[in-house]
PDB file of N, CA and C in Angstrom:
ATOM      1  N   UNK A   1       6.205  27.481  88.469  1.00  0.00           N
ATOM      2  CA  UNK A   1       6.595  25.915  88.215  1.00  0.00           C
ATOM      3  C   UNK A   1       7.990  25.747  87.887  1.00  0.00           C
ATOM      4  N   UNK A   2       8.298  24.703  87.873  1.00  0.00           N
ATOM      5  CA  UNK A   2       9.616  24.118  87.967  1.00  0.00           C
ATOM      6  C   UNK A   2       9.703  22.817  87.213  1.00  0.00           C
ATOM      7  N   UNK A   3      10.804  22.534  86.448  1.00  0.00           N
ATOM      8  CA  UNK A   3      10.843  21.311  85.822  1.00  0.00           C
ATOM      9  C   UNK A   3      11.989  20.625  86.146  1.00  0.00           C
ATOM     10  N   UNK A   4      12.054  19.273  85.969  1.00  0.00           N
ATOM     11  CA  UNK A   4      12.910  18.319  86.041  1.00  0.00           C
ATOM     12  C   UNK A   4      14.356  18.576  85.247  1.00  0.00           C
ATOM     13  N   UNK A   5      15.499  18.711  86.026  1.00  0.00           N
ATOM     14  CA  UNK A   5      16.707  19.228  85.267  1.00  0.00           C
ATOM     15  C   UNK A   5      17.267  17.796  84.818  1.00  0.00           C
ATOM     16  N   UNK A   6      17.522  17.789  83.488  1.00  0.00           N
ATOM     17  CA  UNK A   6      18.053  16.682  82.961  1.00  0.00           C
ATOM     18  C   UNK A   6      19.668  16.393  83.229  1.00  0.00           C
ATOM     19  N   UNK A   7      20.004  15.272  83.773  1.00  0.00           N
ATOM     20  CA  UNK A   7      21.662  15.210  83.849  1.00  0.00           C
ATOM     21  C   UNK A   7      21.978  14.005  83.420  1.00  0.00           C
ATOM     22  N   UNK A   8      23.271  13.529  83.679  1.00  0.00           N
ATOM     23  CA  UNK A   8      23.778  12.352  83.439  1.00  0.00           C
ATOM     24  C   UNK A   8      24.999  11.955  84.585  1.00  0.00           C
ATOM     25  N   UNK A   9      25.119  10.833  84.918  1.00  0.00           N
ATOM     26  CA  UNK A   9      26.089  10.315  85.807  1.00  0.00           C
ATOM     27  C   UNK A   9      27.413  10.068  85.008  1.00  0.00           C
ATOM     28  N   UNK A  10      28.379  10.386  85.808  1.00  0.00           N
ATOM     29  CA  UNK A  10      29.760  10.116  85.249  1.00  0.00           C
ATOM     30  C   UNK A  10      29.906   8.792  84.713  1.00  0.00           C
ATOM     31  N   UNK A  11      29.040   7.834  85.125  1.00  0.00           N
ATOM     32  CA  UNK A  11      29.048   6.294  84.607  1.00  0.00           C
ATOM     33  C   UNK A  11      28.229   5.911  83.762  1.00  0.00           C
ATOM     34  N   UNK A  12      27.363   7.016  83.227  1.00  0.00           N
ATOM     35  CA  UNK A  12      26.350   6.762  81.826  1.00  0.00           C
ATOM     36  C   UNK A  12      26.985   6.316  80.741  1.00  0.00           C
ATOM     37  N   UNK A  13      26.600   5.629  80.045  1.00  0.00           N
ATOM     38  CA  UNK A  13      26.981   5.429  78.553  1.00  0.00           C
ATOM     39  C   UNK A  13      26.833   6.589  77.632  1.00  0.00           C
ATOM     40  N   UNK A  14      27.903   6.779  77.068  1.00  0.00           N
ATOM     41  CA  UNK A  14      27.657   8.083  76.147  1.00  0.00           C
ATOM     42  C   UNK A  14      26.576   8.145  75.322  1.00  0.00           C
ATOM     43  N   UNK A  15      26.178   7.027  74.742  1.00  0.00           N
ATOM     44  CA  UNK A  15      25.254   6.585  73.592  1.00  0.00           C
ATOM     45  C   UNK A  15      24.087   6.788  74.543  1.00  0.00           C
ATOM     46  N   UNK A  16      23.674   6.278  75.564  1.00  0.00           N
ATOM     47  CA  UNK A  16      22.703   6.878  76.494  1.00  0.00           C
ATOM     48  C   UNK A  16      22.216   8.205  76.547  1.00  0.00           C
ATOM     49  N   UNK A  17      23.557   9.149  77.041  1.00  0.00           N
ATOM     50  CA  UNK A  17      23.328  10.241  77.166  1.00  0.00           C
ATOM     51  C   UNK A  17      23.121  11.054  75.951  1.00  0.00           C
ATOM     52  N   UNK A  18      23.717  10.684  74.868  1.00  0.00           N
ATOM     53  CA  UNK A  18      23.195  11.268  73.561  1.00  0.00           C
ATOM     54  C   UNK A  18      21.745  11.018  73.158  1.00  0.00           C
ATOM     55  N   UNK A  19      21.330   9.982  73.315  1.00  0.00           N
ATOM     56  CA  UNK A  19      19.991   9.825  73.057  1.00  0.00           C
ATOM     57  C   UNK A  19      19.025  10.669  74.046  1.00  0.00           C
ATOM     58  N   UNK A  20      19.264  10.688  75.312  1.00  0.00           N
ATOM     59  CA  UNK A  20      18.499  11.541  76.303  1.00  0.00           C
ATOM     60  C   UNK A  20      18.481  13.024  75.687  1.00  0.00           C
ATOM     61  N   UNK A  21      20.004  13.529  75.422  1.00  0.00           N
ATOM     62  CA  UNK A  21      19.827  14.950  74.866  1.00  0.00           C
ATOM     63  C   UNK A  21      19.069  15.147  73.595  1.00  0.00           C
ATOM     64  N   UNK A  22      19.211  14.154  72.727  1.00  0.00           N
ATOM     65  CA  UNK A  22      18.500  14.249  71.481  1.00  0.00           C
ATOM     66  C   UNK A  22      17.153  14.324  71.877  1.00  0.00           C
ATOM     67  N   UNK A  23      16.682  13.426  72.588  1.00  0.00           N
ATOM     68  CA  UNK A  23      14.845  13.469  73.191  1.00  0.00           C
ATOM     69  C   UNK A  23      14.421  14.675  73.589  1.00  0.00           C
ATOM     70  N   UNK A  24      15.358  15.422  74.343  1.00  0.00           N
ATOM     71  CA  UNK A  24      14.802  16.729  74.795  1.00  0.00           C
ATOM     72  C   UNK A  24      15.391  18.010  74.304  1.00  0.00           C
ATOM     73  N   UNK A  25      16.008  17.622  73.070  1.00  0.00           N
ATOM     74  CA  UNK A  25      16.794  18.951  72.294  1.00  0.00           C
ATOM     75  C   UNK A  25      17.633  19.628  73.000  1.00  0.00           C
ATOM     76  N   UNK A  26      18.682  18.924  73.632  1.00  0.00           N
ATOM     77  CA  UNK A  26      19.682  19.668  74.602  1.00  0.00           C
ATOM     78  C   UNK A  26      20.836  19.842  73.984  1.00  0.00           C
ATOM     79  N   UNK A  27      21.708  20.837  74.046  1.00  0.00           N
ATOM     80  CA  UNK A  27      22.973  21.252  73.511  1.00  0.00           C
ATOM     81  C   UNK A  27      23.910  21.007  74.671  1.00  0.00           C
ATOM     82  N   UNK A  28      23.529  21.004  75.819  1.00  0.00           N
ATOM     83  CA  UNK A  28      24.198  20.757  77.060  1.00  0.00           C
ATOM     84  C   UNK A  28      23.737  20.011  78.196  1.00  0.00           C
ATOM     85  N   UNK A  29      24.406  19.159  78.964  1.00  0.00           N
ATOM     86  CA  UNK A  29      23.919  18.368  79.734  1.00  0.00           C
ATOM     87  C   UNK A  29      24.882  18.346  80.866  1.00  0.00           C
ATOM     88  N   UNK A  30      24.302  18.615  82.405  1.00  0.00           N
ATOM     89  CA  UNK A  30      25.416  18.788  83.689  1.00  0.00           C
ATOM     90  C   UNK A  30      25.844  17.148  83.968  1.00  0.00           C
ATOM     91  N   UNK A  31      26.959  17.224  84.037  1.00  0.00           N
ATOM     92  CA  UNK A  31      27.412  15.662  84.792  1.00  0.00           C
ATOM     93  C   UNK A  31      27.665  15.733  86.197  1.00  0.00           C
ATOM     94  N   UNK A  32      26.959  14.586  87.199  1.00  0.00           N
ATOM     95  CA  UNK A  32      27.293  14.716  88.486  1.00  0.00           C
ATOM     96  C   UNK A  32      28.039  13.463  88.578  1.00  0.00           C
ATOM     97  N   UNK A  33      28.420  13.230  90.126  1.00  0.00           N
ATOM     98  CA  UNK A  33      28.864  12.253  90.390  1.00  0.00           C
ATOM     99  C   UNK A  33      28.066  11.324  91.139  1.00  0.00           C
ATOM    100  N   UNK A  34      28.506  10.157  91.807  1.00  0.00           N
ATOM    101  CA  UNK A  34      27.253   9.265  92.377  1.00  0.00           C
ATOM    102  C   UNK A  34      26.596   9.935  93.668  1.00  0.00           C
ATOM    103  N   UNK A  35      27.274  11.090  94.377  1.00  0.00           N
ATOM    104  CA  UNK A  35      26.725  11.797  95.314  1.00  0.00           C
ATOM    105  C   UNK A  35      25.744  13.137  94.697  1.00  0.00           C
ATOM    106  N   UNK A  36      25.555  13.115  93.498  1.00  0.00           N
ATOM    107  CA  UNK A  36      24.953  14.091  92.747  1.00  0.00           C
ATOM    108  C   UNK A  36      25.464  15.499  92.801  1.00  0.00           C
ATOM    109  N   UNK A  37      26.995  15.522  93.007  1.00  0.00           N
ATOM    110  CA  UNK A  37      27.631  16.790  93.017  1.00  0.00           C
ATOM    111  C   UNK A  37      28.068  17.156  91.500  1.00  0.00           C
ATOM    112  N   UNK A  38      28.072  18.054  91.127  1.00  0.00           N
ATOM    113  CA  UNK A  38      28.350  18.527  89.575  1.00  0.00           C
ATOM    114  C   UNK A  38      29.988  18.380  89.437  1.00  0.00           C
ATOM    115  N   UNK A  39      30.111  17.693  88.323  1.00  0.00           N
ATOM    116  CA  UNK A  39      31.433  17.537  88.320  1.00  0.00           C
ATOM    117  C   UNK A  39      31.750  17.973  86.747  1.00  0.00           C
ATOM    118  N   UNK A  40      30.913  18.386  85.956  1.00  0.00           N
ATOM    119  CA  UNK A  40      31.142  18.914  84.764  1.00  0.00           C
ATOM    120  C   UNK A  40      29.941  19.208  83.881  1.00  0.00           C
ATOM    121  N   UNK A  41      30.241  19.650  82.412  1.00  0.00           N
ATOM    122  CA  UNK A  41      29.082  19.804  81.712  1.00  0.00           C
ATOM    123  C   UNK A  41      29.658  19.098  80.293  1.00  0.00           C
ATOM    124  N   UNK A  42      28.587  18.650  79.710  1.00  0.00           N
ATOM    125  CA  UNK A  42      28.963  17.556  78.420  1.00  0.00           C
ATOM    126  C   UNK A  42      28.166  18.274  77.279  1.00  0.00           C
ATOM    127  N   UNK A  43      28.646  18.713  76.156  1.00  0.00           N
ATOM    128  CA  UNK A  43      27.937  19.481  75.224  1.00  0.00           C
ATOM    129  C   UNK A  43      27.954  18.308  74.144  1.00  0.00           C
ATOM    130  N   UNK A  44      26.870  18.679  73.224  1.00  0.00           N
ATOM    131  CA  UNK A  44      26.400  17.904  72.084  1.00  0.00           C
ATOM    132  C   UNK A  44      27.769  17.741  71.105  1.00  0.00           C
ATOM    133  N   UNK A  45      28.568  18.900  70.900  1.00  0.00           N
ATOM    134  CA  UNK A  45      29.653  18.558  70.034  1.00  0.00           C
ATOM    135  C   UNK A  45      30.431  17.597  70.395  1.00  0.00           C
ATOM    136  N   UNK A  46      31.095  17.663  71.829  1.00  0.00           N
ATOM    137  CA  UNK A  46      31.726  16.703  72.287  1.00  0.00           C
ATOM    138  C   UNK A  46      31.557  15.238  72.054  1.00  0.00           C
ATOM    139  N   UNK A  47      29.887  15.351  72.471  1.00  0.00           N
ATOM    140  CA  UNK A  47      29.462  13.811  72.197  1.00  0.00           C
ATOM    141  C   UNK A  47      29.465  13.349  71.037  1.00  0.00           C
ATOM    142  N   UNK A  48      29.136  13.999  69.861  1.00  0.00           N
ATOM    143  CA  UNK A  48      29.184  13.624  68.551  1.00  0.00           C
ATOM    144  C   UNK A  48      30.648  13.308  68.056  1.00  0.00           C
ATOM    145  N   UNK A  49      31.696  14.303  68.405  1.00  0.00           N
ATOM    146  CA  UNK A  49      32.951  13.849  68.128  1.00  0.00           C
ATOM    147  C   UNK A  49      33.507  12.327  68.410  1.00  0.00           C
ATOM    148  N   UNK A  50      33.012  12.137  69.734  1.00  0.00           N
ATOM    149  CA  UNK A  50      33.434  10.819  70.278  1.00  0.00           C
ATOM    150  C   UNK A  50      32.741   9.928  69.577  1.00  0.00           C
ATOM    151  N   UNK A  51      31.323   9.947  69.294  1.00  0.00           N
ATOM    152  CA  UNK A  51      30.623   8.753  68.814  1.00  0.00           C
ATOM    153  C   UNK A  51      31.042   8.535  67.109  1.00  0.00           C
ATOM    154  N   UNK A  52      31.295   9.853  66.607  1.00  0.00           N
ATOM    155  CA  UNK A  52      31.761   9.537  65.065  1.00  0.00           C
ATOM    156  C   UNK A  52      33.078   8.897  65.190  1.00  0.00           C
ATOM    157  N   UNK A  53      34.044   9.229  65.955  1.00  0.00           N
ATOM    158  CA  UNK A  53      35.447   8.657  66.110  1.00  0.00           C
ATOM    159  C   UNK A  53      34.980   7.069  66.249  1.00  0.00           C
ATOM    160  N   UNK A  54      34.195   6.461  67.189  1.00  0.00           N
ATOM    161  CA  UNK A  54      34.076   5.317  67.418  1.00  0.00           C
ATOM    162  C   UNK A  54      33.399   4.713  66.068  1.00  0.00           C
ATOM    163  N   UNK A  55      32.644   5.433  65.646  1.00  0.00           N
ATOM    164  CA  UNK A  55      31.927   4.711  64.090  1.00  0.00           C
ATOM    165  C   UNK A  55      33.139   4.482  63.215  1.00  0.00           C
ATOM    166  N   UNK A  56      33.999   5.287  62.979  1.00  0.00           N
ATOM    167  CA  UNK A  56      34.916   5.139  62.075  1.00  0.00           C
ATOM    168  C   UNK A  56      36.039   4.101  62.352  1.00  0.00           C
ATOM    169  N   UNK A  57      36.216   4.137  63.601  1.00  0.00           N
ATOM    170  CA  UNK A  57      37.160   2.932  64.021  1.00  0.00           C
ATOM    171  C   UNK A  57      36.429   1.628  63.943  1.00  0.00           C
ATOM    172  N   UNK A  58      35.213   1.469  64.189  1.00  0.00           N
ATOM    173  CA  UNK A  58      34.404   0.073  63.822  1.00  0.00           C
ATOM    174  C   UNK A  58      34.346  -0.182  62.484  1.00  0.00           C
ATOM    175  N   UNK A  59      34.231   0.943  61.520  1.00  0.00           N
ATOM    176  CA  UNK A  59      34.062   0.941  60.214  1.00  0.00           C
ATOM    177  C   UNK A  59      35.562   0.349  59.478  1.00  0.00           C
ATOM    178  N   UNK A  60      36.444   1.004  59.950  1.00  0.00           N
ATOM    179  CA  UNK A  60      37.957   0.429  59.667  1.00  0.00           C
ATOM    180  C   UNK A  60      38.129  -1.169  59.980  1.00  0.00           C
ATOM    181  N   UNK A  61      37.641  -1.443  61.100  1.00  0.00           N
ATOM    182  CA  UNK A  61      37.820  -2.887  61.732  1.00  0.00           C
ATOM    183  C   UNK A  61      37.227  -3.819  60.713  1.00  0.00           C
ATOM    184  N   UNK A  62      35.838  -3.472  60.412  1.00  0.00           N
ATOM    185  CA  UNK A  62      35.000  -4.228  59.498  1.00  0.00           C
ATOM    186  C   UNK A  62      35.525  -4.261  58.011  1.00  0.00           C
ATOM    187  N   UNK A  63      36.043  -3.291  57.699  1.00  0.00           N
ATOM    188  CA  UNK A  63      36.837  -3.383  56.309  1.00  0.00           C
ATOM    189  C   UNK A  63      38.046  -4.139  56.213  1.00  0.00           C
ATOM    190  N   UNK A  64      38.783  -3.972  57.559  1.00  0.00           N
ATOM    191  CA  UNK A  64      39.968  -5.041  57.634  1.00  0.00           C
ATOM    192  C   UNK A  64      39.534  -6.532  57.486  1.00  0.00           C
ATOM    193  N   UNK A  65      38.452  -6.787  58.354  1.00  0.00           N
ATOM    194  CA  UNK A  65      38.074  -8.308  58.515  1.00  0.00           C
ATOM    195  C   UNK A  65      37.600  -8.854  57.112  1.00  0.00           C
ATOM    196  N   UNK A  66      36.787  -7.812  56.391  1.00  0.00           N
ATOM    197  CA  UNK A  66      36.264  -8.422  55.135  1.00  0.00           C
ATOM    198  C   UNK A  66      37.427  -8.714  54.293  1.00  0.00           C
ATOM    199  N   UNK A  67      38.302  -7.747  54.302  1.00  0.00           N
ATOM    200  CA  UNK A  67      39.595  -7.876  53.378  1.00  0.00           C
ATOM    201  C   UNK A  67      40.434  -8.981  53.894  1.00  0.00           C
ATOM    202  N   UNK A  68      40.109  -9.430  55.016  1.00  0.00           N
ATOM    203  CA  UNK A  68      41.208 -10.322  55.455  1.00  0.00           C
ATOM    204  C   UNK A  68      42.594  -9.939  56.183  1.00  0.00           C
ATOM    205  N   UNK A  69      42.481  -8.818  56.187  1.00  0.00           N
ATOM    206  CA  UNK A  69      43.746  -8.267  57.070  1.00  0.00           C
ATOM    207  C   UNK A  69      44.025  -8.527  58.377  1.00  0.00           C
ATOM    208  N   UNK A  70      45.054  -9.280  58.672  1.00  0.00           N
ATOM    209  CA  UNK A  70      45.191  -9.555  60.169  1.00  0.00           C
ATOM    210  C   UNK A  70      44.733 -10.890  60.324  1.00  0.00           C
ATOM    211  N   UNK A  71      43.905 -11.484  59.647  1.00  0.00           N
ATOM    212  CA  UNK A  71      43.402 -12.929  60.037  1.00  0.00           C
ATOM    213  C   UNK A  71      43.906 -14.170  59.399  1.00  0.00           C
ATOM    214  N   UNK A  72      45.416 -13.906  58.573  1.00  0.00           N
ATOM    215  CA  UNK A  72      45.700 -14.881  57.920  1.00  0.00           C
ATOM    216  C   UNK A  72      46.587 -16.029  58.580  1.00  0.00           C
TER     217      UNK A  72
END
């Protein structure tokens, strides 16, 4: 019996890849190019680091907007 290999393309959005990994309980996912040749391996820790960094940046922008910083 074989199962489908879960992988992602280099062009996939990180949030989509994260959701795919979460749904399948994966810690790592192979990354392939458009010709389906392996180009790397993405791990959950790296995904979380990037997504949390993006969230922190968005939070800082919202706080600045609410405070009126840079909008006068």
